C-alpha atoms as a PDB file:
ATOM      1  CA  UNK A   1      12.315   7.766  -2.335  1.00  0.00           C
ATOM      2  CA  UNK A   2      14.582   8.567   0.627  1.00  0.00           C
ATOM      3  CA  UNK A   3      15.770   5.265   2.234  1.00  0.00           C
ATOM      4  CA  UNK A   4      14.486   4.962   6.096  1.00  0.00           C
ATOM      5  CA  UNK A   5      16.925   4.879   8.805  1.00  0.00           C
ATOM      6  CA  UNK A   6      14.798   2.162  10.143  1.00  0.00           C
ATOM      7  CA  UNK A   7      14.605  -1.486   8.596  1.00  0.00           C
ATOM      8  CA  UNK A   8      11.014  -2.925   8.307  1.00  0.00           C
ATOM      9  CA  UNK A   9      11.902  -5.397  11.068  1.00  0.00           C
ATOM     10  CA  UNK A  10      12.678  -2.242  13.236  1.00  0.00           C
ATOM     11  CA  UNK A  11       9.545  -0.923  12.307  1.00  0.00           C
ATOM     12  CA  UNK A  12       7.537  -3.635  13.134  1.00  0.00           C
ATOM     13  CA  UNK A  13       9.141  -4.107  16.339  1.00  0.00           C
ATOM     14  CA  UNK A  14       8.601  -0.636  17.257  1.00  0.00           C
ATOM     15  CA  UNK A  15       5.005  -0.901  16.273  1.00  0.00           C
ATOM     16  CA  UNK A  16       4.508  -4.089  18.440  1.00  0.00           C
ATOM     17  CA  UNK A  17       6.043  -2.147  21.423  1.00  0.00           C
ATOM     18  CA  UNK A  18       3.401   0.244  21.153  1.00  0.00           C
ATOM     19  CA  UNK A  19       0.779  -2.288  20.753  1.00  0.00           C
ATOM     20  CA  UNK A  20       1.611  -3.774  23.918  1.00  0.00           C
ATOM     21  CA  UNK A  21       0.958  -0.123  25.646  1.00  0.00           C
ATOM     22  CA  UNK A  22       3.894  -0.022  28.078  1.00  0.00           C
ATOM     23  CA  UNK A  23       4.561   3.578  27.052  1.00  0.00           C
ATOM     24  CA  UNK A  24       2.645   6.455  25.607  1.00  0.00           C
ATOM     25  CA  UNK A  25       2.982   6.989  21.998  1.00  0.00           C
ATOM     26  CA  UNK A  26       4.610  10.243  22.291  1.00  0.00           C
ATOM     27  CA  UNK A  27       7.432   8.747  24.749  1.00  0.00           C
ATOM     28  CA  UNK A  28       7.965   5.780  22.298  1.00  0.00           C
ATOM     29  CA  UNK A  29       8.535   8.364  19.337  1.00  0.00           C
ATOM     30  CA  UNK A  30      11.016  10.422  21.358  1.00  0.00           C
ATOM     31  CA  UNK A  31      12.553   7.177  22.507  1.00  0.00           C
ATOM     32  CA  UNK A  32      13.247   6.182  18.928  1.00  0.00           C
ATOM     33  CA  UNK A  33      13.748   9.605  17.554  1.00  0.00           C
ATOM     34  CA  UNK A  34      10.855   9.625  15.362  1.00  0.00           C
ATOM     35  CA  UNK A  35       7.854  12.136  14.729  1.00  0.00           C
ATOM     36  CA  UNK A  36       4.518  11.090  15.576  1.00  0.00           C
ATOM     37  CA  UNK A  37       3.270  11.407  12.043  1.00  0.00           C
ATOM     38  CA  UNK A  38       5.930   8.836  11.041  1.00  0.00           C
ATOM     39  CA  UNK A  39       4.493   6.663  13.593  1.00  0.00           C
ATOM     40  CA  UNK A  40       1.196   6.748  12.572  1.00  0.00           C
ATOM     41  CA  UNK A  41       2.522   6.252   8.975  1.00  0.00           C
ATOM     42  CA  UNK A  42       4.153   3.206   9.810  1.00  0.00           C
ATOM     43  CA  UNK A  43       1.321   1.804  11.533  1.00  0.00           C
ATOM     44  CA  UNK A  44      -1.064   2.605   8.572  1.00  0.00           C
ATOM     45  CA  UNK A  45       1.555   0.712   6.461  1.00  0.00           C
ATOM     46  CA  UNK A  46       2.700  -2.014   8.440  1.00  0.00           C
ATOM     47  CA  UNK A  47      -0.108  -2.357  11.297  1.00  0.00           C
ATOM     48  CA  UNK A  48      -0.935  -5.701  12.380  1.00  0.00           C
ATOM     49  CA  UNK A  49       2.104  -7.418  10.391  1.00  0.00           C
ATOM     50  CA  UNK A  50       4.680  -9.329  12.223  1.00  0.00           C
ATOM     51  CA  UNK A  51       8.472  -9.559  10.815  1.00  0.00           C
ATOM     52  CA  UNK A  52       8.145 -12.252   8.166  1.00  0.00           C
ATOM     53  CA  UNK A  53       5.144 -10.594   6.765  1.00  0.00           C
ATOM     54  CA  UNK A  54       6.760  -7.449   6.639  1.00  0.00           C
ATOM     55  CA  UNK A  55       9.833  -8.853   4.641  1.00  0.00           C
ATOM     56  CA  UNK A  56       7.165 -10.645   2.349  1.00  0.00           C
ATOM     57  CA  UNK A  57       5.616  -7.330   1.948  1.00  0.00           C
ATOM     58  CA  UNK A  58       8.867  -5.758   0.873  1.00  0.00           C
ATOM     59  CA  UNK A  59       9.623  -8.482  -1.681  1.00  0.00           C
ATOM     60  CA  UNK A  60       6.326  -8.121  -3.131  1.00  0.00           C
ATOM     61  CA  UNK A  61       6.700  -4.357  -3.726  1.00  0.00           C
ATOM     62  CA  UNK A  62      10.280  -4.670  -5.122  1.00  0.00           C
ATOM     63  CA  UNK A  63       8.500  -7.343  -7.578  1.00  0.00           C
ATOM     64  CA  UNK A  64       5.757  -5.184  -8.436  1.00  0.00           C
ATOM     65  CA  UNK A  65       8.305  -2.277  -9.282  1.00  0.00           C
ATOM     66  CA  UNK A  66      10.292  -4.554 -11.328  1.00  0.00           C
ATOM     67  CA  UNK A  67       7.244  -5.605 -13.408  1.00  0.00           C
ATOM     68  CA  UNK A  68       6.110  -2.371 -13.932  1.00  0.00           C
ATOM     69  CA  UNK A  69       9.484  -1.194 -15.333  1.00  0.00           C
ATOM     70  CA  UNK A  70       9.422  -4.309 -17.652  1.00  0.00           C
ATOM     71  CA  UNK A  71       5.774  -3.282 -18.792  1.00  0.00           C
ATOM     72  CA  UNK A  72       6.953   0.214 -19.382  1.00  0.00           C
ATOM     73  CA  UNK A  73      10.209  -0.890 -21.615  1.00  0.00           C
ATOM     74  CA  UNK A  74       7.903  -3.258 -23.463  1.00  0.00           C
ATOM     75  CA  UNK A  75       5.146  -0.692 -24.249  1.00  0.00           C
ATOM     76  CA  UNK A  76       8.045   1.611 -25.457  1.00  0.00           C
ATOM     77  CA  UNK A  77       9.181  -1.139 -27.619  1.00  0.00           C
ATOM     78  CA  UNK A  78       5.768  -1.836 -29.143  1.00  0.00           C
ATOM     79  CA  UNK A  79       5.357   2.026 -29.831  1.00  0.00           C
ATOM     80  CA  UNK A  80       8.818   2.224 -31.808  1.00  0.00           C
ATOM     81  CA  UNK A  81       7.726  -0.554 -33.748  1.00  0.00           C
ATOM     82  CA  UNK A  82       4.420   0.950 -34.689  1.00  0.00           C
ATOM     83  CA  UNK A  83       6.130   4.206 -35.692  1.00  0.00           C
ATOM     84  CA  UNK A  84       8.650   1.915 -37.793  1.00  0.00           C
ATOM     85  CA  UNK A  85       6.007   0.107 -39.463  1.00  0.00           C
ATOM     86  CA  UNK A  86       3.780   3.252 -40.226  1.00  0.00           C
ATOM     87  CA  UNK A  87       6.631   4.737 -41.986  1.00  0.00           C
ATOM     88  CA  UNK A  88       6.737   2.043 -44.239  1.00  0.00           C
END
């Protein structure tokens, strides 16, 4: 997945700026150099979060990915062991 130009903290701050309603969303998107689709995707993902919650979300996603990799590796090892035992 492509790395974003914006950190999660920056995204949350942009969304909070939009919630305050000072500027229309189109102007806010032009100011930060993002597409409206990107803004709405961010709002769906980070809507209602503050900075510490966004950091925690990022940590949980990384931990979840690590655990999925570990599970996949374990499943491969179990499959190999079954094949070895089946040959005997």
